[in-house]
Amino acid sequence: MAAGISVKHGLLHNKTSLYRALHRQISPSSVCLQRAAGVQRVRAASSATTDSQTYCMELVRSRDYDGYVSSLLLPEEARRSSLALRAFNVELAQVKDSVSQKTIGLMRMQFWKAAIEEIYRDEPPNQPVSAELWRAVRKHYLTKRWLLRIITERETGLDDRAYRNLQELETYSENTQSSLIYLLLECLGLKNVHADHAASHIGKAQGIVTCLRATPYHSSRRKVYLPMDVCMLHGASQEDFIRGSREQNVRDVVYDIASQAHVHLQHARSFSNNVPKAANLAFLQTVVLEDYLQRVRRADFDIFHPSLKNRNPLVPFQLYLRSWKKSY
């Protein structure tokens, strides 16, 4: 009995000593400091997340307004990831115009290739778009192949030359614009072969229309990227575009290229009966493509017509209406 009491007394004594020791080492003031430090770390992390989200949103809003509106019309769980993907696309797209030497552009592309590898190792670079892209990858398990394919194709575009033929422009569009749509479908949680086929054609149409829309800007900088085979077919030279010619042969070039974009839109719609309704939200850009093709047709395919310089103010409303109907 005495031994048992002694043992209990020893345990109590040890507990009391341990409590006193801990009380001396962790005073209320130190606990408060630790809590404050923890709160500051949480706030700092939250602030960084908010900053990267805001950065991506503003980048897309200023450089890809139609894509910005389309992203806002997506379900909440996909909206932020869509903006991250579009910001990533903008970052790559503006490399060509923002560097004076191809070598610098290649270095930028190499940074993004390394960034993608680091993102998939859960070690994203300290860069706003990378941070948001990492979040999107973790949330939706995005396919790395599509991201790398966009970078690789944008890298080939640094050669700064016209497309040899229409097929080369379509390939470029498939590897950039279509890959982006595949990723948007993944953000919506969709894997459907018919949706993928539609996405492929919509991406090609978007790449072709983007090339047409950018022609006046590029021509002002004495650059022409329109397919050479179509230009040669109608006897239109690069100089014709550089000086803003509105002759019939230039219009014929625009007509042929615009017609191919229209064909891809029609092909995409041929899958509509088999495409899940939810996937249509990833195809909202068809509204923008239709709007441009209609306006260039009204301008009699004069790509330098003043009416094509301004954005149609009704497009955001049309995008909303299409998202409500869930059609493309």
C-alpha atoms as a PDB file:
ATOM      1  CA  MET A   1       0.000   0.000   0.000  1.00  0.00           C
ATOM      2  CA  ALA A   2       2.739   2.414   0.966  1.00  0.00           C
ATOM      3  CA  ALA A   3       4.515   1.611  -2.274  1.00  0.00           C
ATOM      4  CA  GLY A   4       1.331   2.319  -4.241  1.00  0.00           C
ATOM      5  CA  ILE A   5       0.874   5.682  -2.493  1.00  0.00           C
ATOM      6  CA  SER A   6       4.485   6.500  -3.150  1.00  0.00           C
ATOM      7  CA  VAL A   7       4.113   5.733  -6.825  1.00  0.00           C
ATOM      8  CA  LYS A   8       0.955   7.859  -7.083  1.00  0.00           C
ATOM      9  CA  HIS A   9       2.638  10.693  -5.235  1.00  0.00           C
ATOM     10  CA  GLY A  10       5.558  10.466  -7.638  1.00  0.00           C
ATOM     11  CA  LEU A  11       3.247  10.673 -10.642  1.00  0.00           C
ATOM     12  CA  LEU A  12       1.420  13.646  -9.171  1.00  0.00           C
ATOM     13  CA  HIS A  13       4.686  15.319  -8.362  1.00  0.00           C
ATOM     14  CA  ASN A  14       5.965  14.722 -11.890  1.00  0.00           C
ATOM     15  CA  LYS A  15       2.748  16.100 -13.427  1.00  0.00           C
ATOM     16  CA  THR A  16       2.902  19.149 -11.186  1.00  0.00           C
ATOM     17  CA  SER A  17       6.529  19.750 -12.081  1.00  0.00           C
ATOM     18  CA  LEU A  18       5.765  19.344 -15.779  1.00  0.00           C
ATOM     19  CA  TYR A  19       2.851  21.784 -15.550  1.00  0.00           C
ATOM     20  CA  ARG A  20       4.988  24.360 -13.734  1.00  0.00           C
ATOM     21  CA  ALA A  21       7.783  23.966 -16.256  1.00  0.00           C
ATOM     22  CA  LEU A  22       5.411  24.421 -19.167  1.00  0.00           C
ATOM     23  CA  HIS A  23       3.748  27.362 -17.452  1.00  0.00           C
ATOM     24  CA  ARG A  24       7.115  29.039 -17.032  1.00  0.00           C
ATOM     25  CA  GLN A  25       8.154  28.385 -20.647  1.00  0.00           C
ATOM     26  CA  ILE A  26       4.811  29.271 -22.283  1.00  0.00           C
ATOM     27  CA  SER A  27       3.590  32.406 -20.660  1.00  0.00           C
ATOM     28  CA  PRO A  28       0.280  34.002 -21.758  1.00  0.00           C
ATOM     29  CA  SER A  29       2.199  36.731 -23.571  1.00  0.00           C
ATOM     30  CA  SER A  30       4.186  34.207 -25.643  1.00  0.00           C
ATOM     31  CA  VAL A  31       0.985  32.328 -26.513  1.00  0.00           C
ATOM     32  CA  CYS A  32      -0.541  35.587 -27.744  1.00  0.00           C
ATOM     33  CA  LEU A  33       2.559  36.311 -29.842  1.00  0.00           C
ATOM     34  CA  GLN A  34       2.453  32.855 -31.398  1.00  0.00           C
ATOM     35  CA  ARG A  35      -1.231  33.218 -32.189  1.00  0.00           C
ATOM     36  CA  ALA A  36      -0.648  36.643 -33.701  1.00  0.00           C
ATOM     37  CA  ALA A  37       2.171  35.284 -35.846  1.00  0.00           C
ATOM     38  CA  GLY A  38      -0.075  32.464 -37.002  1.00  0.00           C
ATOM     39  CA  VAL A  39      -2.857  34.876 -37.897  1.00  0.00           C
ATOM     40  CA  GLN A  40      -0.390  37.044 -39.826  1.00  0.00           C
ATOM     41  CA  ARG A  41       0.826  34.017 -41.794  1.00  0.00           C
ATOM     42  CA  VAL A  42      -2.756  33.057 -42.674  1.00  0.00           C
ATOM     43  CA  ARG A  43      -3.546  36.643 -43.666  1.00  0.00           C
ATOM     44  CA  ALA A  44      -0.385  36.847 -45.778  1.00  0.00           C
ATOM     45  CA  ALA A  45      -1.272  33.602 -47.564  1.00  0.00           C
ATOM     46  CA  SER A  46      -4.844  34.783 -48.090  1.00  0.00           C
ATOM     47  CA  SER A  47      -3.615  38.147 -49.390  1.00  0.00           C
ATOM     48  CA  ALA A  48      -1.229  36.447 -51.834  1.00  0.00           C
ATOM     49  CA  THR A  49      -4.065  34.243 -53.107  1.00  0.00           C
ATOM     50  CA  THR A  50      -6.341  37.241 -53.547  1.00  0.00           C
ATOM     51  CA  ASP A  51      -3.601  39.203 -55.306  1.00  0.00           C
ATOM     52  CA  SER A  52      -2.896  36.411 -57.807  1.00  0.00           C
ATOM     53  CA  GLN A  53      -6.603  35.981 -58.500  1.00  0.00           C
ATOM     54  CA  THR A  54      -7.041  39.720 -59.057  1.00  0.00           C
ATOM     55  CA  TYR A  55      -3.967  39.850 -61.287  1.00  0.00           C
ATOM     56  CA  CYS A  56      -5.312  37.099 -63.559  1.00  0.00           C
ATOM     57  CA  MET A  57      -8.762  38.645 -63.682  1.00  0.00           C
ATOM     58  CA  GLU A  58      -7.433  42.071 -64.660  1.00  0.00           C
ATOM     59  CA  LEU A  59      -5.025  40.603 -67.211  1.00  0.00           C
ATOM     60  CA  VAL A  60      -7.810  38.709 -68.973  1.00  0.00           C
ATOM     61  CA  ARG A  61     -10.229  41.636 -68.733  1.00  0.00           C
ATOM     62  CA  SER A  62      -7.741  43.991 -70.396  1.00  0.00           C
ATOM     63  CA  ARG A  63      -6.311  41.635 -73.043  1.00  0.00           C
ATOM     64  CA  ASP A  64      -9.117  39.128 -73.749  1.00  0.00           C
ATOM     65  CA  TYR A  65     -12.384  40.851 -72.853  1.00  0.00           C
ATOM     66  CA  ASP A  66     -14.602  38.338 -74.658  1.00  0.00           C
ATOM     67  CA  GLY A  67     -12.873  35.491 -72.830  1.00  0.00           C
ATOM     68  CA  TYR A  68     -13.271  37.420 -69.574  1.00  0.00           C
ATOM     69  CA  VAL A  69     -17.043  37.717 -70.029  1.00  0.00           C
ATOM     70  CA  SER A  70     -17.280  34.066 -71.077  1.00  0.00           C
ATOM     71  CA  SER A  71     -15.434  33.013 -67.907  1.00  0.00           C
ATOM     72  CA  LEU A  72     -17.769  35.015 -65.670  1.00  0.00           C
ATOM     73  CA  LEU A  73     -20.720  33.106 -67.122  1.00  0.00           C
ATOM     74  CA  LEU A  74     -19.308  29.724 -66.084  1.00  0.00           C
ATOM     75  CA  PRO A  75     -20.410  27.928 -62.883  1.00  0.00           C
ATOM     76  CA  GLU A  76     -18.661  29.225 -59.779  1.00  0.00           C
ATOM     77  CA  GLU A  77     -16.529  26.095 -59.332  1.00  0.00           C
ATOM     78  CA  ALA A  78     -15.009  26.562 -62.811  1.00  0.00           C
ATOM     79  CA  ARG A  79     -14.899  30.366 -63.057  1.00  0.00           C
ATOM     80  CA  ARG A  80     -11.621  31.040 -61.284  1.00  0.00           C
ATOM     81  CA  SER A  81      -9.841  28.191 -63.044  1.00  0.00           C
ATOM     82  CA  SER A  82     -11.075  29.434 -66.415  1.00  0.00           C
ATOM     83  CA  LEU A  83      -9.618  32.873 -65.713  1.00  0.00           C
ATOM     84  CA  ALA A  84      -6.320  31.239 -64.721  1.00  0.00           C
ATOM     85  CA  LEU A  85      -6.182  29.319 -68.008  1.00  0.00           C
ATOM     86  CA  ARG A  86      -7.053  32.385 -70.053  1.00  0.00           C
ATOM     87  CA  ALA A  87      -4.436  34.438 -68.181  1.00  0.00           C
ATOM     88  CA  PHE A  88      -1.891  31.724 -68.988  1.00  0.00           C
ATOM     89  CA  ASN A  89      -2.924  31.900 -72.645  1.00  0.00           C
ATOM     90  CA  VAL A  90      -2.616  35.701 -72.663  1.00  0.00           C
ATOM     91  CA  GLU A  91       0.848  35.548 -71.088  1.00  0.00           C
ATOM     92  CA  LEU A  92       2.018  33.261 -73.885  1.00  0.00           C
ATOM     93  CA  ALA A  93       0.246  35.129 -76.670  1.00  0.00           C
ATOM     94  CA  GLN A  94       1.794  38.482 -75.798  1.00  0.00           C
ATOM     95  CA  VAL A  95       5.381  37.175 -75.742  1.00  0.00           C
ATOM     96  CA  LYS A  96       5.701  37.535 -79.522  1.00  0.00           C
ATOM     97  CA  ASP A  97       4.790  41.229 -79.516  1.00  0.00           C
ATOM     98  CA  SER A  98       6.614  42.135 -76.317  1.00  0.00           C
ATOM     99  CA  VAL A  99      10.128  40.943 -77.178  1.00  0.00           C
ATOM    100  CA  SER A 100      12.559  42.458 -79.670  1.00  0.00           C
ATOM    101  CA  GLN A 101      14.607  39.299 -80.177  1.00  0.00           C
ATOM    102  CA  LYS A 102      13.521  35.695 -80.714  1.00  0.00           C
ATOM    103  CA  THR A 103      16.086  34.498 -78.159  1.00  0.00           C
ATOM    104  CA  ILE A 104      14.339  36.445 -75.395  1.00  0.00           C
ATOM    105  CA  GLY A 105      11.014  34.982 -76.455  1.00  0.00           C
ATOM    106  CA  LEU A 106      12.449  31.462 -76.327  1.00  0.00           C
ATOM    107  CA  MET A 107      13.700  32.141 -72.800  1.00  0.00           C
ATOM    108  CA  ARG A 108      10.192  33.207 -71.766  1.00  0.00           C
ATOM    109  CA  MET A 109       8.743  30.031 -73.256  1.00  0.00           C
ATOM    110  CA  GLN A 110      11.367  27.955 -71.452  1.00  0.00           C
ATOM    111  CA  PHE A 111      10.311  29.600 -68.188  1.00  0.00           C
ATOM    112  CA  TRP A 112       6.724  28.482 -68.765  1.00  0.00           C
ATOM    113  CA  LYS A 113       7.757  24.945 -69.675  1.00  0.00           C
ATOM    114  CA  ALA A 114       9.716  24.714 -66.425  1.00  0.00           C
ATOM    115  CA  ALA A 115       6.820  26.343 -64.552  1.00  0.00           C
ATOM    116  CA  ILE A 116       4.381  23.664 -65.757  1.00  0.00           C
ATOM    117  CA  GLU A 117       6.718  20.906 -64.588  1.00  0.00           C
ATOM    118  CA  GLU A 118       7.055  22.606 -61.191  1.00  0.00           C
ATOM    119  CA  ILE A 119       3.287  23.073 -60.925  1.00  0.00           C
ATOM    120  CA  TYR A 120       2.750  19.345 -61.386  1.00  0.00           C
ATOM    121  CA  ARG A 121       5.340  18.716 -58.653  1.00  0.00           C
ATOM    122  CA  ASP A 122       3.338  21.020 -56.339  1.00  0.00           C
ATOM    123  CA  GLU A 123       6.189  23.538 -56.409  1.00  0.00           C
ATOM    124  CA  PRO A 124       4.744  26.447 -58.429  1.00  0.00           C
ATOM    125  CA  PRO A 125       6.976  29.476 -59.102  1.00  0.00           C
ATOM    126  CA  ASN A 126       6.267  32.648 -57.161  1.00  0.00           C
ATOM    127  CA  GLN A 127       4.330  34.222 -60.013  1.00  0.00           C
ATOM    128  CA  PRO A 128       0.580  35.146 -60.007  1.00  0.00           C
ATOM    129  CA  VAL A 129      -0.485  33.196 -63.098  1.00  0.00           C
ATOM    130  CA  SER A 130       1.541  30.154 -62.024  1.00  0.00           C
ATOM    131  CA  ALA A 131      -0.075  30.248 -58.583  1.00  0.00           C
ATOM    132  CA  GLU A 132      -3.593  30.345 -60.041  1.00  0.00           C
ATOM    133  CA  LEU A 133      -2.756  27.688 -62.605  1.00  0.00           C
ATOM    134  CA  TRP A 134      -1.430  25.421 -59.841  1.00  0.00           C
ATOM    135  CA  ARG A 135      -4.716  25.839 -57.984  1.00  0.00           C
ATOM    136  CA  ALA A 136      -6.672  24.951 -61.142  1.00  0.00           C
ATOM    137  CA  VAL A 137      -4.511  21.893 -61.820  1.00  0.00           C
ATOM    138  CA  ARG A 138      -4.989  20.599 -58.283  1.00  0.00           C
ATOM    139  CA  LYS A 139      -8.721  21.219 -58.297  1.00  0.00           C
ATOM    140  CA  HIS A 140      -9.594  19.784 -61.701  1.00  0.00           C
ATOM    141  CA  TYR A 141      -6.656  17.431 -62.402  1.00  0.00           C
ATOM    142  CA  LEU A 142      -5.958  19.215 -65.678  1.00  0.00           C
ATOM    143  CA  THR A 143      -4.062  17.335 -68.386  1.00  0.00           C
ATOM    144  CA  LYS A 144      -0.457  18.485 -68.543  1.00  0.00           C
ATOM    145  CA  ARG A 145      -0.169  17.571 -72.218  1.00  0.00           C
ATOM    146  CA  TRP A 146      -2.591  20.324 -73.296  1.00  0.00           C
ATOM    147  CA  LEU A 147      -0.709  22.996 -71.351  1.00  0.00           C
ATOM    148  CA  LEU A 148       2.646  21.973 -72.785  1.00  0.00           C
ATOM    149  CA  ARG A 149       1.204  21.760 -76.291  1.00  0.00           C
ATOM    150  CA  ILE A 150       0.036  25.380 -76.087  1.00  0.00           C
ATOM    151  CA  ILE A 151       3.532  26.487 -75.040  1.00  0.00           C
ATOM    152  CA  THR A 152       5.278  24.444 -77.738  1.00  0.00           C
ATOM    153  CA  GLU A 153       3.035  25.789 -80.497  1.00  0.00           C
ATOM    154  CA  ARG A 154       3.373  29.387 -79.281  1.00  0.00           C
ATOM    155  CA  GLU A 155       7.115  28.826 -79.347  1.00  0.00           C
ATOM    156  CA  THR A 156       7.020  27.865 -83.027  1.00  0.00           C
ATOM    157  CA  GLY A 157       5.049  31.045 -83.668  1.00  0.00           C
ATOM    158  CA  LEU A 158       8.062  33.117 -82.640  1.00  0.00           C
ATOM    159  CA  ASP A 159       9.542  32.520 -86.107  1.00  0.00           C
ATOM    160  CA  ASP A 160       7.626  35.634 -87.180  1.00  0.00           C
ATOM    161  CA  ARG A 161       6.628  34.515 -90.668  1.00  0.00           C
ATOM    162  CA  ALA A 162       3.410  34.059 -92.598  1.00  0.00           C
ATOM    163  CA  TYR A 163       1.659  30.676 -92.524  1.00  0.00           C
ATOM    164  CA  ARG A 164       2.636  28.674 -95.592  1.00  0.00           C
ATOM    165  CA  ASN A 165      -0.920  27.494 -96.144  1.00  0.00           C
ATOM    166  CA  LEU A 166      -4.337  27.357 -94.517  1.00  0.00           C
ATOM    167  CA  GLN A 167      -3.641  23.896 -93.103  1.00  0.00           C
ATOM    168  CA  GLU A 168      -0.666  25.254 -91.157  1.00  0.00           C
ATOM    169  CA  LEU A 169      -2.873  27.951 -89.634  1.00  0.00           C
ATOM    170  CA  GLU A 170      -5.430  25.274 -88.690  1.00  0.00           C
ATOM    171  CA  THR A 171      -2.737  23.166 -87.036  1.00  0.00           C
ATOM    172  CA  TYR A 172      -1.528  26.163 -85.047  1.00  0.00           C
ATOM    173  CA  SER A 173      -5.124  26.911 -84.017  1.00  0.00           C
ATOM    174  CA  GLU A 174      -5.769  23.306 -82.993  1.00  0.00           C
ATOM    175  CA  ASN A 175      -2.670  23.185 -80.808  1.00  0.00           C
ATOM    176  CA  THR A 176      -3.381  26.521 -79.102  1.00  0.00           C
ATOM    177  CA  GLN A 177      -7.072  27.448 -79.111  1.00  0.00           C
ATOM    178  CA  SER A 178      -8.508  23.914 -79.189  1.00  0.00           C
ATOM    179  CA  SER A 179      -6.149  22.800 -76.400  1.00  0.00           C
ATOM    180  CA  LEU A 180      -7.439  25.673 -74.270  1.00  0.00           C
ATOM    181  CA  ILE A 181     -11.040  24.558 -74.844  1.00  0.00           C
ATOM    182  CA  TYR A 182     -10.137  20.966 -73.899  1.00  0.00           C
ATOM    183  CA  LEU A 183      -8.858  22.342 -70.584  1.00  0.00           C
ATOM    184  CA  LEU A 184     -12.048  24.381 -70.075  1.00  0.00           C
ATOM    185  CA  LEU A 185     -14.061  21.202 -70.577  1.00  0.00           C
ATOM    186  CA  GLU A 186     -11.980  19.550 -67.855  1.00  0.00           C
ATOM    187  CA  CYS A 187     -12.720  22.501 -65.551  1.00  0.00           C
ATOM    188  CA  LEU A 188     -16.411  21.734 -66.117  1.00  0.00           C
ATOM    189  CA  GLY A 189     -15.771  18.098 -65.234  1.00  0.00           C
ATOM    190  CA  LEU A 190     -16.570  16.844 -68.728  1.00  0.00           C
ATOM    191  CA  LYS A 191     -14.892  14.119 -70.755  1.00  0.00           C
ATOM    192  CA  ASN A 192     -16.894  13.427 -73.889  1.00  0.00           C
ATOM    193  CA  VAL A 193     -15.627  12.471 -77.333  1.00  0.00           C
ATOM    194  CA  HIS A 194     -18.316  14.484 -79.143  1.00  0.00           C
ATOM    195  CA  ALA A 195     -17.535  17.558 -77.064  1.00  0.00           C
ATOM    196  CA  ASP A 196     -13.859  17.100 -77.938  1.00  0.00           C
ATOM    197  CA  HIS A 197     -14.648  16.959 -81.655  1.00  0.00           C
ATOM    198  CA  ALA A 198     -16.717  20.129 -81.392  1.00  0.00           C
ATOM    199  CA  ALA A 199     -13.944  21.803 -79.375  1.00  0.00           C
ATOM    200  CA  SER A 200     -11.403  20.936 -82.056  1.00  0.00           C
ATOM    201  CA  HIS A 201     -13.406  22.670 -84.787  1.00  0.00           C
ATOM    202  CA  ILE A 202     -14.309  25.670 -82.628  1.00  0.00           C
ATOM    203  CA  GLY A 203     -10.646  26.139 -81.726  1.00  0.00           C
ATOM    204  CA  LYS A 204      -9.668  26.073 -85.396  1.00  0.00           C
ATOM    205  CA  ALA A 205     -12.355  28.606 -86.235  1.00  0.00           C
ATOM    206  CA  GLN A 206     -11.194  30.832 -83.400  1.00  0.00           C
ATOM    207  CA  GLY A 207      -7.570  30.696 -84.531  1.00  0.00           C
ATOM    208  CA  ILE A 208      -8.546  31.627 -88.079  1.00  0.00           C
ATOM    209  CA  VAL A 209     -10.767  34.515 -86.954  1.00  0.00           C
ATOM    210  CA  THR A 210      -8.057  35.769 -84.590  1.00  0.00           C
ATOM    211  CA  CYS A 211      -5.605  35.838 -87.495  1.00  0.00           C
ATOM    212  CA  LEU A 212      -8.080  37.863 -89.577  1.00  0.00           C
ATOM    213  CA  ARG A 213      -8.961  40.289 -86.775  1.00  0.00           C
ATOM    214  CA  ALA A 214      -5.301  40.972 -86.051  1.00  0.00           C
ATOM    215  CA  THR A 215      -4.395  41.644 -89.676  1.00  0.00           C
ATOM    216  CA  PRO A 216      -4.948  45.457 -89.617  1.00  0.00           C
ATOM    217  CA  TYR A 217      -2.812  45.717 -86.466  1.00  0.00           C
ATOM    218  CA  HIS A 218      -0.052  43.532 -87.884  1.00  0.00           C
ATOM    219  CA  SER A 219      -0.161  45.350 -91.230  1.00  0.00           C
ATOM    220  CA  SER A 220       0.406  48.660 -89.444  1.00  0.00           C
ATOM    221  CA  ARG A 221       3.639  47.126 -88.160  1.00  0.00           C
ATOM    222  CA  ARG A 222       4.552  45.899 -91.654  1.00  0.00           C
ATOM    223  CA  LYS A 223       3.854  42.262 -90.821  1.00  0.00           C
ATOM    224  CA  VAL A 224       1.473  39.851 -92.542  1.00  0.00           C
ATOM    225  CA  TYR A 225       0.680  36.353 -91.264  1.00  0.00           C
ATOM    226  CA  LEU A 226      -2.190  35.343 -93.565  1.00  0.00           C
ATOM    227  CA  PRO A 227      -1.696  31.995 -95.386  1.00  0.00           C
ATOM    228  CA  MET A 228       0.576  32.496 -98.384  1.00  0.00           C
ATOM    229  CA  ASP A 229      -1.179  29.900-100.559  1.00  0.00           C
ATOM    230  CA  VAL A 230      -4.482  31.795-100.408  1.00  0.00           C
ATOM    231  CA  CYS A 231      -2.753  35.121-101.072  1.00  0.00           C
ATOM    232  CA  MET A 232      -0.920  33.696-104.089  1.00  0.00           C
ATOM    233  CA  LEU A 233      -4.126  32.150-105.412  1.00  0.00           C
ATOM    234  CA  HIS A 234      -5.694  35.607-105.700  1.00  0.00           C
ATOM    235  CA  GLY A 235      -2.538  37.504-106.635  1.00  0.00           C
ATOM    236  CA  ALA A 236      -2.455  39.511-103.402  1.00  0.00           C
ATOM    237  CA  SER A 237       0.985  40.447-102.091  1.00  0.00           C
ATOM    238  CA  GLN A 238       2.028  41.190 -98.535  1.00  0.00           C
ATOM    239  CA  GLU A 239       2.576  44.781 -99.616  1.00  0.00           C
ATOM    240  CA  ASP A 240      -1.126  45.017-100.502  1.00  0.00           C
ATOM    241  CA  PHE A 241      -2.027  44.296 -96.890  1.00  0.00           C
ATOM    242  CA  ILE A 242       0.702  46.517 -95.473  1.00  0.00           C
ATOM    243  CA  ARG A 243      -0.650  49.544 -97.325  1.00  0.00           C
ATOM    244  CA  GLY A 244      -4.242  48.626 -96.391  1.00  0.00           C
ATOM    245  CA  SER A 245      -5.474  47.855 -99.892  1.00  0.00           C
ATOM    246  CA  ARG A 246      -9.228  47.409-100.279  1.00  0.00           C
ATOM    247  CA  GLU A 247      -9.048  45.968-103.778  1.00  0.00           C
ATOM    248  CA  GLN A 248     -11.091  42.936-104.821  1.00  0.00           C
ATOM    249  CA  ASN A 249      -8.166  40.494-104.755  1.00  0.00           C
ATOM    250  CA  VAL A 250      -7.526  41.359-101.085  1.00  0.00           C
ATOM    251  CA  ARG A 251     -11.225  40.885-100.312  1.00  0.00           C
ATOM    252  CA  ASP A 252     -11.132  37.502-102.056  1.00  0.00           C
ATOM    253  CA  VAL A 253      -8.319  36.385 -99.748  1.00  0.00           C
ATOM    254  CA  VAL A 254     -10.354  37.428 -96.719  1.00  0.00           C
ATOM    255  CA  TYR A 255     -13.457  35.701 -98.124  1.00  0.00           C
ATOM    256  CA  ASP A 256     -11.671  32.361 -98.544  1.00  0.00           C
ATOM    257  CA  ILE A 257     -10.141  32.435 -95.061  1.00  0.00           C
ATOM    258  CA  ALA A 258     -13.364  33.581 -93.380  1.00  0.00           C
ATOM    259  CA  SER A 259     -15.297  30.868 -95.226  1.00  0.00           C
ATOM    260  CA  GLN A 260     -13.010  28.216 -93.757  1.00  0.00           C
ATOM    261  CA  ALA A 261     -13.715  29.522 -90.247  1.00  0.00           C
ATOM    262  CA  HIS A 262     -17.440  29.322 -91.011  1.00  0.00           C
ATOM    263  CA  VAL A 263     -17.050  25.719 -92.219  1.00  0.00           C
ATOM    264  CA  HIS A 264     -15.424  24.760 -88.907  1.00  0.00           C
ATOM    265  CA  LEU A 265     -18.287  26.347 -86.954  1.00  0.00           C
ATOM    266  CA  GLN A 266     -20.769  24.329 -89.006  1.00  0.00           C
ATOM    267  CA  HIS A 267     -18.813  21.134 -88.364  1.00  0.00           C
ATOM    268  CA  ALA A 268     -18.780  21.891 -84.636  1.00  0.00           C
ATOM    269  CA  ARG A 269     -22.557  22.326 -84.614  1.00  0.00           C
ATOM    270  CA  SER A 270     -23.036  18.984 -86.340  1.00  0.00           C
ATOM    271  CA  PHE A 271     -22.113  17.346 -82.998  1.00  0.00           C
ATOM    272  CA  SER A 272     -24.559  19.447 -80.943  1.00  0.00           C
ATOM    273  CA  ASN A 273     -27.143  16.682 -80.470  1.00  0.00           C
ATOM    274  CA  ASN A 274     -24.541  14.430 -78.853  1.00  0.00           C
ATOM    275  CA  VAL A 275     -22.701  17.050 -76.803  1.00  0.00           C
ATOM    276  CA  PRO A 276     -23.723  17.326 -73.111  1.00  0.00           C
ATOM    277  CA  LYS A 277     -25.581  20.570 -72.367  1.00  0.00           C
ATOM    278  CA  ALA A 278     -23.033  21.527 -69.706  1.00  0.00           C
ATOM    279  CA  ALA A 279     -20.256  21.483 -72.318  1.00  0.00           C
ATOM    280  CA  ASN A 280     -21.897  24.304 -74.253  1.00  0.00           C
ATOM    281  CA  LEU A 281     -20.624  26.771 -71.645  1.00  0.00           C
ATOM    282  CA  ALA A 282     -17.082  26.030 -72.822  1.00  0.00           C
ATOM    283  CA  PHE A 283     -18.134  26.992 -76.351  1.00  0.00           C
ATOM    284  CA  LEU A 284     -19.447  30.499 -75.664  1.00  0.00           C
ATOM    285  CA  GLN A 285     -16.705  31.974 -77.871  1.00  0.00           C
ATOM    286  CA  THR A 286     -18.776  30.883 -80.887  1.00  0.00           C
ATOM    287  CA  VAL A 287     -20.878  34.013 -80.224  1.00  0.00           C
ATOM    288  CA  VAL A 288     -17.817  36.215 -80.761  1.00  0.00           C
ATOM    289  CA  LEU A 289     -16.761  34.292 -83.872  1.00  0.00           C
ATOM    290  CA  GLU A 290     -20.230  34.551 -85.408  1.00  0.00           C
ATOM    291  CA  ASP A 291     -20.355  38.267 -84.667  1.00  0.00           C
ATOM    292  CA  TYR A 292     -17.063  38.972 -86.444  1.00  0.00           C
ATOM    293  CA  LEU A 293     -17.865  36.785 -89.454  1.00  0.00           C
ATOM    294  CA  GLN A 294     -21.228  38.506 -89.873  1.00  0.00           C
ATOM    295  CA  ARG A 295     -19.689  41.973 -89.613  1.00  0.00           C
ATOM    296  CA  VAL A 296     -16.895  41.204 -92.088  1.00  0.00           C
ATOM    297  CA  ARG A 297     -19.508  39.861 -94.497  1.00  0.00           C
ATOM    298  CA  ARG A 298     -21.550  43.072 -94.154  1.00  0.00           C
ATOM    299  CA  ALA A 299     -18.353  44.996 -94.913  1.00  0.00           C
ATOM    300  CA  ASP A 300     -18.047  42.958 -98.128  1.00  0.00           C
ATOM    301  CA  PHE A 301     -14.909  41.268 -96.724  1.00  0.00           C
ATOM    302  CA  ASP A 302     -13.022  44.549 -96.531  1.00  0.00           C
ATOM    303  CA  ILE A 303     -10.826  43.685 -93.562  1.00  0.00           C
ATOM    304  CA  PHE A 304      -9.766  47.319 -93.172  1.00  0.00           C
ATOM    305  CA  HIS A 305     -13.330  48.670 -92.939  1.00  0.00           C
ATOM    306  CA  PRO A 306     -13.732  51.128 -90.018  1.00  0.00           C
ATOM    307  CA  SER A 307     -16.756  49.213 -88.654  1.00  0.00           C
ATOM    308  CA  LEU A 308     -14.525  46.254 -87.798  1.00  0.00           C
ATOM    309  CA  LYS A 309     -12.290  48.301 -85.504  1.00  0.00           C
ATOM    310  CA  ASN A 310     -14.876  48.667 -82.741  1.00  0.00           C
ATOM    311  CA  ARG A 311     -16.141  45.961 -80.431  1.00  0.00           C
ATOM    312  CA  ASN A 312     -19.840  45.121 -80.714  1.00  0.00           C
ATOM    313  CA  PRO A 313     -21.410  46.366 -77.426  1.00  0.00           C
ATOM    314  CA  LEU A 314     -24.154  43.735 -77.704  1.00  0.00           C
ATOM    315  CA  VAL A 315     -21.761  40.770 -77.513  1.00  0.00           C
ATOM    316  CA  PRO A 316     -21.795  40.511 -73.672  1.00  0.00           C
ATOM    317  CA  PHE A 317     -25.603  40.356 -73.748  1.00  0.00           C
ATOM    318  CA  GLN A 318     -25.483  37.760 -76.527  1.00  0.00           C
ATOM    319  CA  LEU A 319     -23.007  35.705 -74.497  1.00  0.00           C
ATOM    320  CA  TYR A 320     -25.336  35.810 -71.495  1.00  0.00           C
ATOM    321  CA  LEU A 321     -28.305  34.773 -73.635  1.00  0.00           C
ATOM    322  CA  ARG A 322     -26.359  31.870 -75.151  1.00  0.00           C
ATOM    323  CA  SER A 323     -25.216  30.706 -71.702  1.00  0.00           C
ATOM    324  CA  TRP A 324     -28.825  30.764 -70.506  1.00  0.00           C
ATOM    325  CA  LYS A 325     -29.966  28.712 -73.509  1.00  0.00           C
ATOM    326  CA  LYS A 326     -26.973  26.375 -73.108  1.00  0.00           C
ATOM    327  CA  SER A 327     -26.457  26.145 -76.840  1.00  0.00           C
ATOM    328  CA  TYR A 328     -23.718  26.917 -79.322  1.00  0.00           C
END
